[in-house]
Amino acid sequence: MTHDRIWRKSTFSSANGSGECVEVSLAQDALVRDSKNAGGDVLAFSAPAWRALVSWLG
């Protein structure tokens, strides 16, 4: 369940209120959601896929 998880807002989210906010919850997998729509859709990544994405972005 996504409501039992700890969510952290991305440090790259816009601070000017434009609504471009992303949150991530890390456990055995990684979940990503729009912080302005916390009850909406969630992207799920396996741990290896999340590490590969973060490595590619970094």
C-alpha atoms as a PDB file:
ATOM      1  CA  MET A   1       0.000   0.000   0.000  1.00  0.00           C
ATOM      2  CA  THR A   2       1.367   3.383  -0.951  1.00  0.00           C
ATOM      3  CA  HIS A   3      -0.202   5.283   1.966  1.00  0.00           C
ATOM      4  CA  ASP A   4       1.956   3.395   4.525  1.00  0.00           C
ATOM      5  CA  ARG A   5       5.187   4.492   2.898  1.00  0.00           C
ATOM      6  CA  ILE A   6       7.448   7.451   3.564  1.00  0.00           C
ATOM      7  CA  TRP A   7       7.450   9.853   0.615  1.00  0.00           C
ATOM      8  CA  ARG A   8      10.233  12.362  -0.116  1.00  0.00           C
ATOM      9  CA  LYS A   9       9.886  15.299  -2.466  1.00  0.00           C
ATOM     10  CA  SER A  10      12.531  15.620  -5.151  1.00  0.00           C
ATOM     11  CA  THR A  11      15.116  18.333  -4.593  1.00  0.00           C
ATOM     12  CA  PHE A  12      14.656  19.155  -8.280  1.00  0.00           C
ATOM     13  CA  SER A  13      10.970  19.957  -7.842  1.00  0.00           C
ATOM     14  CA  SER A  14      10.030  23.502  -8.677  1.00  0.00           C
ATOM     15  CA  ALA A  15       9.903  25.853  -5.692  1.00  0.00           C
ATOM     16  CA  ASN A  16       7.883  28.491  -7.537  1.00  0.00           C
ATOM     17  CA  GLY A  17       4.513  26.715  -7.170  1.00  0.00           C
ATOM     18  CA  SER A  18       4.234  25.701 -10.823  1.00  0.00           C
ATOM     19  CA  GLY A  19       3.115  22.219  -9.778  1.00  0.00           C
ATOM     20  CA  GLU A  20       6.133  20.323 -11.062  1.00  0.00           C
ATOM     21  CA  CYS A  21       6.627  18.232  -7.933  1.00  0.00           C
ATOM     22  CA  VAL A  22       7.720  14.611  -7.808  1.00  0.00           C
ATOM     23  CA  GLU A  23       7.915  12.387  -4.743  1.00  0.00           C
ATOM     24  CA  VAL A  24       9.687   9.070  -4.347  1.00  0.00           C
ATOM     25  CA  SER A  25       9.292   6.298  -1.795  1.00  0.00           C
ATOM     26  CA  LEU A  26      12.125   3.813  -1.472  1.00  0.00           C
ATOM     27  CA  ALA A  27      11.818   0.387   0.150  1.00  0.00           C
ATOM     28  CA  GLN A  28      12.353  -2.938  -1.623  1.00  0.00           C
ATOM     29  CA  ASP A  29      11.201  -1.085  -4.726  1.00  0.00           C
ATOM     30  CA  ALA A  30      10.862   2.553  -5.752  1.00  0.00           C
ATOM     31  CA  LEU A  31       7.560   4.324  -6.250  1.00  0.00           C
ATOM     32  CA  VAL A  32       7.229   7.727  -7.915  1.00  0.00           C
ATOM     33  CA  ARG A  33       4.164   9.975  -7.824  1.00  0.00           C
ATOM     34  CA  ASP A  34       3.004  13.514  -8.489  1.00  0.00           C
ATOM     35  CA  SER A  35       2.935  15.273  -5.103  1.00  0.00           C
ATOM     36  CA  LYS A  36       0.020  17.439  -6.239  1.00  0.00           C
ATOM     37  CA  ASN A  37      -2.025  14.272  -6.853  1.00  0.00           C
ATOM     38  CA  ALA A  38      -0.893  11.904  -4.104  1.00  0.00           C
ATOM     39  CA  GLY A  39      -3.885   9.623  -4.641  1.00  0.00           C
ATOM     40  CA  GLY A  40      -3.263   9.340  -8.373  1.00  0.00           C
ATOM     41  CA  ASP A  41      -1.202   6.976 -10.448  1.00  0.00           C
ATOM     42  CA  VAL A  42       2.143   5.713  -9.175  1.00  0.00           C
ATOM     43  CA  LEU A  43       5.121   4.520 -11.233  1.00  0.00           C
ATOM     44  CA  ALA A  44       6.803   1.434  -9.752  1.00  0.00           C
ATOM     45  CA  PHE A  45      10.422   0.439 -10.352  1.00  0.00           C
ATOM     46  CA  SER A  46      12.293  -2.626  -9.154  1.00  0.00           C
ATOM     47  CA  ALA A  47      15.431  -1.812  -7.153  1.00  0.00           C
ATOM     48  CA  PRO A  48      17.786  -2.658 -10.075  1.00  0.00           C
ATOM     49  CA  ALA A  49      15.673  -0.623 -12.514  1.00  0.00           C
ATOM     50  CA  TRP A  50      15.626   2.370 -10.123  1.00  0.00           C
ATOM     51  CA  ARG A  51      19.430   2.239  -9.680  1.00  0.00           C
ATOM     52  CA  ALA A  52      19.878   2.082 -13.464  1.00  0.00           C
ATOM     53  CA  LEU A  53      17.528   5.078 -13.982  1.00  0.00           C
ATOM     54  CA  VAL A  54      19.235   7.181 -11.304  1.00  0.00           C
ATOM     55  CA  SER A  55      22.656   6.261 -12.707  1.00  0.00           C
ATOM     56  CA  TRP A  56      21.554   7.182 -16.226  1.00  0.00           C
ATOM     57  CA  LEU A  57      20.111  10.527 -15.050  1.00  0.00           C
ATOM     58  CA  GLY A  58      23.158  11.357 -12.922  1.00  0.00           C
END
